[in-house]
Protein backbone atom coordinates (compact mmCIF):
# COMPACT_ATOMS: atom_id res chain seq x y z
CA UNK A 1 0.00 0.00 0.00
CA UNK A 2 3.00 2.35 0.38
CA UNK A 3 3.42 2.43 -3.42
CA UNK A 4 -0.24 3.33 -3.87
CA UNK A 5 -0.09 6.12 -1.29
CA UNK A 6 2.97 7.59 -2.97
CA UNK A 7 1.37 7.54 -6.40
CA UNK A 8 -1.83 9.11 -5.03
CA UNK A 9 0.06 11.89 -3.22
CA UNK A 10 2.13 12.63 -6.32
CA UNK A 11 -1.00 12.71 -8.45
CA UNK A 12 -2.80 15.19 -6.19
CA UNK A 13 0.22 17.53 -6.09
CA UNK A 14 0.68 17.50 -9.86
CA UNK A 15 -3.04 17.90 -10.49
CA UNK A 16 -3.32 20.90 -8.18
CA UNK A 17 -0.41 22.63 -9.92
CA UNK A 18 -0.83 21.56 -13.53
CA UNK A 19 -4.58 21.69 -14.11
CA UNK A 20 -5.60 24.60 -16.29
CA UNK A 21 -8.95 26.11 -17.18
CA UNK A 22 -9.71 24.55 -20.57
CA UNK A 23 -12.32 27.21 -21.23
CA UNK A 24 -9.45 29.69 -21.70
CA UNK A 25 -7.69 27.55 -24.35
CA UNK A 26 -8.17 28.91 -27.83
CA UNK A 27 -9.75 26.68 -30.42
CA UNK A 28 -6.65 26.02 -32.47
CA UNK A 29 -4.79 22.98 -33.72
CA UNK A 30 -2.27 21.43 -31.36
CA UNK A 31 0.54 19.04 -32.22
CA UNK A 32 0.22 16.79 -29.18
CA UNK A 33 -1.76 15.97 -26.08
CA UNK A 34 -0.40 14.62 -22.81
CA UNK A 35 -2.55 13.25 -19.98
CA UNK A 36 -2.23 10.91 -17.02
CA UNK A 37 -4.61 8.78 -15.01
CA UNK A 38 -4.44 6.74 -11.86
CA UNK A 39 -7.04 4.42 -10.39
CA UNK A 40 -7.07 2.62 -7.05
CA UNK A 41 -9.81 0.08 -6.26
CA UNK A 42 -10.23 -1.75 -2.95
CA UNK A 43 -12.78 -4.59 -2.89
CA UNK A 44 -14.15 -6.90 -0.24
CA UNK A 45 -16.75 -9.66 -0.31
CA UNK A 46 -18.67 -10.81 2.75
CA UNK A 47 -18.53 -14.47 3.73
CA UNK A 48 -20.91 -16.68 1.73
CA UNK A 49 -22.16 -20.27 1.68
CA UNK A 50 -19.95 -22.73 -0.22
CA UNK A 51 -20.45 -26.45 0.51
CA UNK A 52 -17.51 -27.26 -1.78
CA UNK A 53 -14.78 -25.43 -3.68
CA UNK A 54 -12.45 -26.26 -6.56
CA UNK A 55 -9.14 -24.97 -7.88
CA UNK A 56 -10.76 -21.96 -9.57
CA UNK A 57 -13.44 -21.14 -7.01
CA UNK A 58 -14.11 -17.81 -5.38
CA UNK A 59 -12.95 -18.29 -1.79
CA UNK A 60 -15.76 -18.01 0.82
CA UNK A 61 -13.56 -15.92 3.12
CA UNK A 62 -10.71 -13.55 2.27
CA UNK A 63 -9.37 -10.09 3.13
CA UNK A 64 -9.72 -6.82 1.24
CA UNK A 65 -7.98 -6.82 -2.13
CA UNK A 66 -6.61 -3.66 -3.76
CA UNK A 67 -5.58 -2.90 -7.34
CA UNK A 68 -3.70 0.04 -8.79
CA UNK A 69 -3.08 1.39 -12.29
CA UNK A 70 -1.33 4.46 -13.66
CA UNK A 71 -1.19 5.46 -17.32
CA UNK A 72 0.40 8.19 -19.42
CA UNK A 73 -1.48 9.12 -22.61
CA UNK A 74 0.67 10.73 -25.32
CA UNK A 75 -0.75 11.51 -28.76
CA UNK A 76 1.53 13.27 -31.24
CA UNK A 77 0.62 14.58 -34.69
CA UNK A 78 3.81 14.81 -36.83
CA UNK A 79 1.89 15.50 -40.06
CA UNK A 80 -1.65 16.40 -41.08
CA UNK A 81 -4.01 13.48 -40.30
CA UNK A 82 -1.17 11.35 -38.91
CA UNK A 83 -1.20 10.38 -35.22
CA UNK A 84 1.25 8.45 -33.05
CA UNK A 85 -0.18 7.15 -29.77
CA UNK A 86 2.05 5.95 -26.93
CA UNK A 87 0.64 4.81 -23.57
CA UNK A 88 3.10 3.47 -20.98
CA UNK A 89 1.26 1.95 -18.04
CA UNK A 90 1.94 0.47 -14.63
CA UNK A 91 -0.47 -1.86 -12.87
CA UNK A 92 -0.41 -3.99 -9.78
CA UNK A 93 -2.35 -5.31 -6.83
CA UNK A 94 -4.61 -8.30 -6.38
CA UNK A 95 -8.09 -9.31 -7.37
CA UNK A 96 -10.41 -11.32 -5.15
CA UNK A 97 -9.39 -15.01 -5.06
CA UNK A 98 -6.51 -14.41 -7.50
CA UNK A 99 -9.03 -13.15 -10.09
CA UNK A 100 -10.87 -16.49 -10.19
CA UNK A 101 -14.34 -17.81 -9.44
CA UNK A 102 -16.73 -15.40 -11.19
CA UNK A 103 -17.22 -15.18 -14.97
CA UNK A 104 -18.42 -11.58 -14.66
CA UNK A 105 -15.47 -10.67 -12.46
CA UNK A 106 -16.14 -7.62 -10.25
CA UNK A 107 -12.97 -5.56 -10.92
CA UNK A 108 -12.07 -4.60 -14.49
CA UNK A 109 -8.76 -3.16 -13.31
CA UNK A 110 -7.14 -6.44 -12.27
CA UNK A 111 -5.39 -9.03 -14.40
CA UNK A 112 -4.37 -12.65 -13.92
CA UNK A 113 -0.64 -11.89 -13.88
CA UNK A 114 0.25 -13.50 -10.55
CA UNK A 115 2.63 -10.81 -9.23
CA UNK A 116 0.91 -8.04 -7.20
CA UNK A 117 3.84 -5.61 -7.46
CA UNK A 118 3.24 -2.65 -9.82
CA UNK A 119 5.08 -3.29 -13.09
CA UNK A 120 5.53 -0.96 -16.07
CA UNK A 121 4.60 -2.07 -19.59
CA UNK A 122 3.53 -0.57 -22.92
CA UNK A 123 -0.24 -0.59 -23.16
CA UNK A 124 -0.57 1.14 -26.55
CA UNK A 125 1.85 2.08 -29.30
CA UNK A 126 0.29 2.62 -32.70
CA UNK A 127 0.25 4.86 -35.76
CA UNK A 128 -2.98 6.08 -37.33
CA UNK A 129 -3.37 7.69 -40.74
CA UNK A 130 -6.66 9.32 -41.73
CA UNK A 131 -7.82 10.04 -45.27
CA UNK A 132 -10.58 12.70 -45.39
CA UNK A 133 -13.76 11.85 -47.30
CA UNK A 134 -15.23 15.37 -47.28
CA UNK A 135 -14.53 18.94 -46.21
CA UNK A 136 -16.83 18.72 -43.18
CA UNK A 137 -14.89 19.64 -40.06
CA UNK A 138 -15.42 20.06 -36.33
CA UNK A 139 -13.42 21.14 -33.32
CA UNK A 140 -12.53 18.37 -30.84
CA UNK A 141 -11.35 19.08 -27.31
CA UNK A 142 -8.05 17.93 -25.83
CA UNK A 143 -8.62 14.59 -24.07
CA UNK A 144 -7.08 11.19 -23.40
CA UNK A 145 -5.32 10.16 -26.64
CA UNK A 146 -7.12 13.03 -28.41
CA UNK A 147 -5.51 16.24 -29.65
CA UNK A 148 -7.33 19.56 -29.56
CA UNK A 149 -7.80 20.41 -33.23
CA UNK A 150 -10.16 21.22 -36.04
CA UNK A 151 -10.47 17.88 -37.81
CA UNK A 152 -12.44 16.14 -40.56
CA UNK A 153 -15.60 14.43 -39.38
CA UNK A 154 -15.74 12.02 -42.35
CA UNK A 155 -12.69 9.92 -43.13
CA UNK A 156 -11.11 6.51 -43.64
CA UNK A 157 -8.59 5.56 -40.96
CA UNK A 158 -5.84 2.92 -41.04
CA UNK A 159 -4.22 2.06 -37.71
CA UNK A 160 -1.33 -0.34 -37.03
CA UNK A 161 0.35 -1.27 -33.77
CA UNK A 162 -0.50 -2.32 -30.21
CA UNK A 163 -3.86 -1.40 -28.68
CA UNK A 164 -6.99 -2.79 -27.07
CA UNK A 165 -9.79 -3.74 -29.45
CA UNK A 166 -12.26 -2.17 -27.03
CA UNK A 167 -10.63 1.20 -27.79
CA UNK A 168 -12.45 1.14 -31.13
CA UNK A 169 -15.13 -1.57 -31.01
CA UNK A 170 -18.15 -2.25 -28.79
CA UNK A 171 -18.08 1.28 -27.40
CA UNK A 172 -20.62 2.76 -25.00
CA UNK A 173 -20.74 6.16 -23.33
CA UNK A 174 -22.50 4.63 -20.31
CA UNK A 175 -21.00 1.19 -19.70
CA UNK A 176 -17.45 0.77 -20.97
CA UNK A 177 -14.68 2.01 -18.66
CA UNK A 178 -14.09 0.29 -15.26
CA UNK A 179 -11.96 3.24 -14.16
CA UNK A 180 -14.90 5.64 -14.12
CA UNK A 181 -18.08 3.62 -14.83
CA UNK A 182 -19.21 0.08 -13.95
CA UNK A 183 -16.38 -2.15 -12.68
CA UNK A 184 -17.73 -5.59 -13.65
CA UNK A 185 -16.14 -7.38 -16.62
CA UNK A 186 -19.62 -8.10 -18.04
CA UNK A 187 -20.26 -4.34 -18.16
CA UNK A 188 -16.94 -3.23 -19.66
CA UNK A 189 -18.26 -4.56 -22.94
CA UNK A 190 -20.30 -7.45 -24.27
CA UNK A 191 -19.27 -10.45 -22.19
CA UNK A 192 -19.63 -13.14 -24.86
CA UNK A 193 -17.20 -11.37 -27.21
CA UNK A 194 -14.01 -13.29 -26.46
CA UNK A 195 -12.00 -10.39 -27.83
CA UNK A 196 -8.35 -11.20 -28.66
CA UNK A 197 -5.97 -9.82 -26.04
CA UNK A 198 -3.10 -10.81 -23.80
CA UNK A 199 -3.57 -11.17 -20.05
CA UNK A 200 -3.61 -7.39 -19.59
CA UNK A 201 -6.18 -6.79 -22.33
CA UNK A 202 -3.99 -5.62 -25.24
CA UNK A 203 -3.25 -7.06 -28.67
CA UNK A 204 -1.34 -6.18 -31.87
CA UNK A 205 -2.72 -5.79 -35.36
CA UNK A 206 -4.46 -3.44 -37.74
CA UNK A 207 -7.77 -1.56 -37.61
CA UNK A 208 -9.53 0.05 -40.57
CA UNK A 209 -12.40 2.47 -39.98
CA UNK A 210 -14.68 4.38 -42.33
CA UNK A 211 -16.68 7.21 -40.74
CA UNK A 212 -19.27 8.98 -42.90
CA UNK A 213 -22.20 11.08 -41.74
CA UNK A 214 -23.71 9.19 -38.77
CA UNK A 215 -22.35 5.79 -39.86
CA UNK A 216 -19.11 4.04 -39.03
CA UNK A 217 -17.76 0.73 -40.38
CA UNK A 218 -14.82 -0.96 -38.67
CA UNK A 219 -12.79 -4.11 -39.10
CA UNK A 220 -9.65 -5.45 -37.45
CA UNK A 221 -7.22 -8.33 -37.80
CA UNK A 222 -5.13 -9.09 -34.73
CA UNK A 223 -2.89 -11.48 -32.87
CA UNK A 224 -4.25 -13.89 -30.26
CA UNK A 225 -2.65 -15.35 -27.10
CA UNK A 226 -0.40 -18.38 -27.54
CA UNK A 227 -2.05 -19.92 -24.48
CA UNK A 228 -5.56 -19.25 -23.18
CA UNK A 229 -5.51 -15.87 -21.39
CA UNK A 230 -1.73 -15.88 -21.70
CA UNK A 231 0.73 -12.95 -21.82
CA UNK A 232 2.38 -13.78 -25.15
CA UNK A 233 0.74 -13.16 -28.54
CA UNK A 234 1.03 -14.84 -31.93
CA UNK A 235 -0.31 -14.59 -35.47
CA UNK A 236 -0.63 -17.57 -37.83
CA UNK A 237 -2.84 -16.78 -40.80
CA UNK A 238 -5.75 -19.22 -40.88
CA UNK A 239 -4.62 -20.90 -37.65
CA UNK A 240 -4.17 -18.28 -34.91
CA UNK A 241 -5.74 -14.87 -35.51
CA UNK A 242 -8.67 -12.67 -34.60
CA UNK A 243 -11.16 -10.93 -36.89
CA UNK A 244 -13.99 -8.55 -36.05
CA UNK A 245 -16.39 -6.45 -38.12
CA UNK A 246 -18.65 -3.71 -36.71
CA UNK A 247 -21.20 -1.20 -37.91
CA UNK A 248 -22.20 1.83 -35.81
CA UNK A 249 -25.16 4.18 -36.27
CA UNK A 250 -24.92 7.28 -34.11
CA UNK A 251 -27.48 10.04 -33.44
CA UNK A 252 -30.35 7.65 -34.10
CA UNK A 253 -33.83 9.03 -33.24
CA UNK A 254 -32.16 12.35 -32.44
CA UNK A 255 -34.36 15.14 -31.06
CA UNK A 256 -31.57 17.47 -29.92
CA UNK A 257 -27.95 17.35 -28.74
CA UNK A 258 -28.94 15.65 -25.46
CA UNK A 259 -31.61 13.24 -26.75
CA UNK A 260 -30.51 10.55 -29.16
CA UNK A 261 -29.54 6.88 -29.46
CA UNK A 262 -26.57 5.00 -30.89
CA UNK A 263 -26.19 1.37 -31.93
CA UNK A 264 -23.14 -0.90 -32.32
CA UNK A 265 -23.43 -4.35 -33.94
CA UNK A 266 -20.46 -6.65 -34.48
CA UNK A 267 -19.49 -10.12 -35.68
CA UNK A 268 -16.26 -11.77 -34.51
CA UNK A 269 -14.29 -14.86 -35.51
CA UNK A 270 -11.23 -16.08 -33.60
CA UNK A 271 -8.90 -18.94 -34.48
CA UNK A 272 -6.30 -20.41 -32.11
CA UNK A 273 -4.89 -23.64 -30.71
CA UNK A 274 -8.11 -24.20 -28.77
CA UNK A 275 -9.40 -27.25 -26.98
CA UNK A 276 -12.86 -28.65 -27.67
CA UNK A 277 -15.22 -29.34 -24.74
CA UNK A 278 -16.88 -32.44 -26.23
CA UNK A 279 -13.53 -33.89 -27.31
CA UNK A 280 -12.09 -33.29 -23.83
CA UNK A 281 -15.02 -35.18 -22.26
CA UNK A 282 -14.58 -38.08 -24.69
CA UNK A 283 -10.83 -38.21 -23.96
CA UNK A 284 -11.32 -38.22 -20.19
CA UNK A 285 -12.32 -41.89 -19.91
CA UNK A 286 -14.81 -41.10 -17.15
CA UNK A 287 -12.38 -38.96 -15.14
CA UNK A 288 -12.41 -35.17 -14.87
CA UNK A 289 -11.87 -33.77 -18.39
CA UNK A 290 -9.06 -31.37 -19.25
CA UNK A 291 -9.78 -29.17 -22.27
CA UNK A 292 -6.06 -28.45 -22.78
CA UNK A 293 -5.53 -32.12 -23.79
CA UNK A 294 -7.65 -31.60 -26.92
CA UNK A 295 -6.02 -28.44 -28.30
CA UNK A 296 -5.47 -28.13 -32.04
CA UNK A 297 -4.47 -25.20 -34.25
CA UNK A 298 -7.22 -23.84 -36.46
CA UNK A 299 -10.13 -24.35 -34.07
CA UNK A 300 -12.38 -21.32 -33.95
CA UNK A 301 -14.95 -19.37 -31.97
CA UNK A 302 -17.43 -17.03 -33.58
CA UNK A 303 -20.32 -14.90 -32.37
CA UNK A 304 -21.94 -11.50 -32.34
CA UNK A 305 -22.72 -8.55 -30.10
CA UNK A 306 -25.29 -5.74 -30.23
CA UNK A 307 -25.44 -2.73 -27.94
CA UNK A 308 -27.60 0.40 -27.80
CA UNK A 309 -27.20 3.62 -25.82
CA UNK A 310 -30.25 5.83 -25.28
CA UNK A 311 -29.77 9.37 -24.01
CA UNK A 312 -32.75 11.26 -22.58
CA UNK A 313 -31.11 14.47 -21.41
CA UNK A 314 -29.85 13.80 -17.89
CA UNK A 315 -31.09 10.18 -17.91
CA UNK A 316 -29.19 7.54 -19.90
CA UNK A 317 -30.03 3.90 -20.66
CA UNK A 318 -28.08 1.06 -22.28
CA UNK A 319 -28.88 -2.48 -23.37
CA UNK A 320 -26.45 -5.12 -24.65
CA UNK A 321 -26.61 -8.72 -25.81
CA UNK A 322 -23.90 -11.07 -27.08
CA UNK A 323 -23.47 -14.72 -28.05
CA UNK A 324 -20.75 -17.13 -29.13
CA UNK A 325 -20.96 -20.75 -30.27
CA UNK A 326 -19.37 -22.11 -27.05
CA UNK A 327 -17.99 -25.27 -28.65
CA UNK A 328 -14.28 -24.58 -28.16
CA UNK A 329 -12.59 -23.21 -25.06
CA UNK A 330 -12.67 -19.57 -24.07
CA UNK A 331 -9.37 -18.12 -25.21
CA UNK A 332 -8.84 -14.51 -24.17
CA UNK A 333 -11.46 -12.58 -22.18
CA UNK A 334 -13.79 -14.45 -19.84
CA UNK A 335 -15.92 -17.59 -19.69
CA UNK A 336 -19.24 -16.23 -20.93
CA UNK A 337 -21.03 -17.71 -23.96
CA UNK A 338 -24.24 -15.68 -23.76
CA UNK A 339 -24.77 -12.36 -22.01
CA UNK A 340 -27.53 -9.80 -21.57
CA UNK A 341 -27.08 -6.51 -19.71
CA UNK A 342 -29.09 -3.36 -19.19
CA UNK A 343 -28.80 -0.33 -16.95
CA UNK A 344 -29.42 3.32 -16.18
CA UNK A 345 -27.25 6.34 -15.44
CA UNK A 346 -28.48 9.56 -13.83
CA UNK A 347 -26.47 12.77 -14.10
CA UNK A 348 -25.83 14.67 -10.88
CA UNK A 349 -27.38 17.84 -12.29
CA UNK A 350 -30.71 16.30 -11.29
CA UNK A 351 -29.80 16.86 -7.61
CA UNK A 352 -27.56 19.93 -8.15
CA UNK A 353 -24.28 17.98 -8.20
CA UNK A 354 -23.21 18.71 -11.77
CA UNK A 355 -20.24 16.32 -12.00
CA UNK A 356 -21.64 13.47 -9.89
CA UNK A 357 -23.23 10.35 -11.35
CA UNK A 358 -25.39 7.47 -10.13
CA UNK A 359 -25.77 4.25 -12.12
CA UNK A 360 -27.27 0.77 -11.76
CA UNK A 361 -27.12 -2.28 -14.04
CA UNK A 362 -28.31 -5.88 -14.28
CA UNK A 363 -26.40 -8.76 -15.89
CA UNK A 364 -27.34 -12.29 -16.91
CA UNK A 365 -24.48 -14.52 -18.12
CA UNK A 366 -24.84 -18.06 -19.47
CA UNK A 367 -22.83 -20.96 -20.90
CA UNK A 368 -23.32 -23.25 -23.87
CA UNK A 369 -24.41 -26.82 -23.16
CA UNK A 370 -20.96 -28.16 -24.08
CA UNK A 371 -19.22 -25.70 -21.77
CA UNK A 372 -21.52 -26.28 -18.76
CA UNK A 373 -21.34 -30.08 -19.19
CA UNK A 374 -17.55 -29.90 -19.20
CA UNK A 375 -17.52 -27.95 -15.92
CA UNK A 376 -20.16 -30.24 -14.35
CA UNK A 377 -17.89 -33.23 -14.99
CA UNK A 378 -15.07 -31.58 -13.06
CA UNK A 379 -13.30 -29.67 -15.82
CA UNK A 380 -11.59 -26.31 -15.39
CA UNK A 381 -11.30 -23.23 -17.58
CA UNK A 382 -8.70 -20.53 -17.04
CA UNK A 383 -11.11 -18.52 -14.88
CA UNK A 384 -13.80 -20.74 -13.35
CA UNK A 385 -14.29 -24.31 -12.12
CA UNK A 386 -15.64 -25.51 -8.77
CA UNK A 387 -14.87 -29.21 -9.34
CA UNK A 388 -18.55 -29.85 -10.08
CA UNK A 389 -21.53 -27.74 -11.10
CA UNK A 390 -25.20 -27.29 -10.31
CA UNK A 391 -25.79 -25.07 -13.33
CA UNK A 392 -27.73 -21.77 -13.43
CA UNK A 393 -27.22 -18.45 -15.13
CA UNK A 394 -24.80 -16.14 -13.36
CA UNK A 395 -26.77 -13.02 -12.37
CA UNK A 396 -25.24 -9.75 -11.25
CA UNK A 397 -26.47 -6.41 -9.98
CA UNK A 398 -24.01 -3.52 -9.83
CA UNK A 399 -24.57 0.03 -8.65
CA UNK A 400 -22.15 2.88 -8.01
CA UNK A 401 -22.09 6.57 -7.15
CA UNK A 402 -19.34 8.74 -8.65
CA UNK A 403 -18.61 11.62 -6.26
CA UNK A 404 -16.71 14.58 -7.71
CA UNK A 405 -14.10 15.58 -5.13
CA UNK A 406 -11.92 18.18 -6.87
CA UNK A 407 -11.28 19.08 -10.52
CA UNK A 408 -10.72 15.65 -12.13
CA UNK A 409 -10.65 13.53 -8.96
CA UNK A 410 -13.58 11.19 -8.26
CA UNK A 411 -14.42 8.80 -5.42
CA UNK A 412 -16.89 5.99 -6.17
CA UNK A 413 -18.43 3.56 -3.67
CA UNK A 414 -19.62 0.45 -5.53
CA UNK A 415 -21.83 -2.52 -4.63
CA UNK A 416 -22.26 -5.80 -6.53
CA UNK A 417 -24.64 -8.65 -5.74
CA UNK A 418 -23.82 -11.91 -7.52
CA UNK A 419 -26.19 -14.89 -7.68
CA UNK A 420 -24.77 -18.26 -8.84
CA UNK A 421 -21.09 -17.23 -9.09
CA UNK A 422 -19.39 -19.22 -11.86
CA UNK A 423 -22.89 -20.53 -12.82
CA UNK A 424 -23.16 -22.61 -9.65
CA UNK A 425 -26.44 -22.66 -7.67
CA UNK A 426 -24.65 -24.44 -4.81
CA UNK A 427 -22.45 -21.39 -4.00
CA UNK A 428 -23.27 -17.87 -2.93
CA UNK A 429 -24.91 -15.45 -3.25
CA UNK A 430 -22.02 -13.00 -2.90
CA UNK A 431 -22.14 -9.41 -1.67
CA UNK A 432 -19.16 -7.29 -2.85
CA UNK A 433 -18.39 -3.73 -1.78
CA UNK A 434 -15.68 -1.53 -3.25
CA UNK A 435 -14.23 1.95 -3.12
CA UNK A 436 -12.58 3.45 -6.21
CA UNK A 437 -10.42 6.57 -6.42
CA UNK A 438 -9.88 7.82 -9.97
CA UNK A 439 -8.08 10.90 -11.20
CA UNK A 440 -6.97 12.33 -14.54
CA UNK A 441 -4.89 15.35 -15.39
């Protein structure tokens, strides 16, 4: 905790001295933007009923767990419509039960890296080139990985390097960022999209986007982990790779600037050296199956996701659904084969707290028949497995209040109620409380 306290103290000092009134900045093109963020989350779950536990179970009793992350966001524009993004990051701390035992894990800021000490790494390093499609322009404010400039609103973009696919796909203004919004993995994005990424959530590849009027079309081809949820990435065309296609329609049903909807719909197809659940059961000879014994290059997982944001002035609503075939093992994100989420956000202006926010969401996660049968027979994935399974959908309620403390510093108490953790009716329910401190400058 000494490291966290030092980072927090340093952040507050720099923020107090470096923050400037953006209203006084002239609307002119800049060559770069530089920002920082830090997030500290402490979580605790109350004791719960668990007649049995397995290697990947959420532990019935454990102490408070704390995670930390700090990121620098540098975006540099060397030429017109050319951007270089560099994000060094440090992250550390622990998740509950070593980040095991719940498919919709309650802290989107923790990773399954084993070592709790903060370690630096490169989160993003990519080059983007935009090709304007029209002369329509707008002014965009300086922000994280965004330069203050007058820029084309309609363009084709080609991006190559290291990034997170969720930077560009499956976006939501209400339920997307665990550093400032909902913390649960199921609410960071669509849970059944097993999006290609290493253990920390990043991949390498290329993204092509076409933005015209209120439409956007995106596609990406990326690396995938060598091992399920592993730190190292690989690309073998036709054998180990990730593909995703998305269409976005923004400003749907628009009445004014504060009342409109937006829709994202995507299809994904991943190939890797995956194991097959049915094959693992057949190979087990009546013993507990091990999906890793059936791995072969070229196996795939495909599915879709659809999400919709609805803005009604100071009230905001979202709804998401996703599905994957669930035949081969989960490879990158989390063990969810079907997911449905919905929720509401209320802006603090409603109670005269302009920068505060209250939000609540519901989640229902499910598995394919092959996947649930594998777990019921004693199999393990990389995230869940109680040794046996009395199957039911994993259901989650999350609510948080974001309290604006000073400038860009926010404190958020958070509560999550989880029924059937890891799809097991025999365990839980689980009550989880958390406190998040988040700051940007």
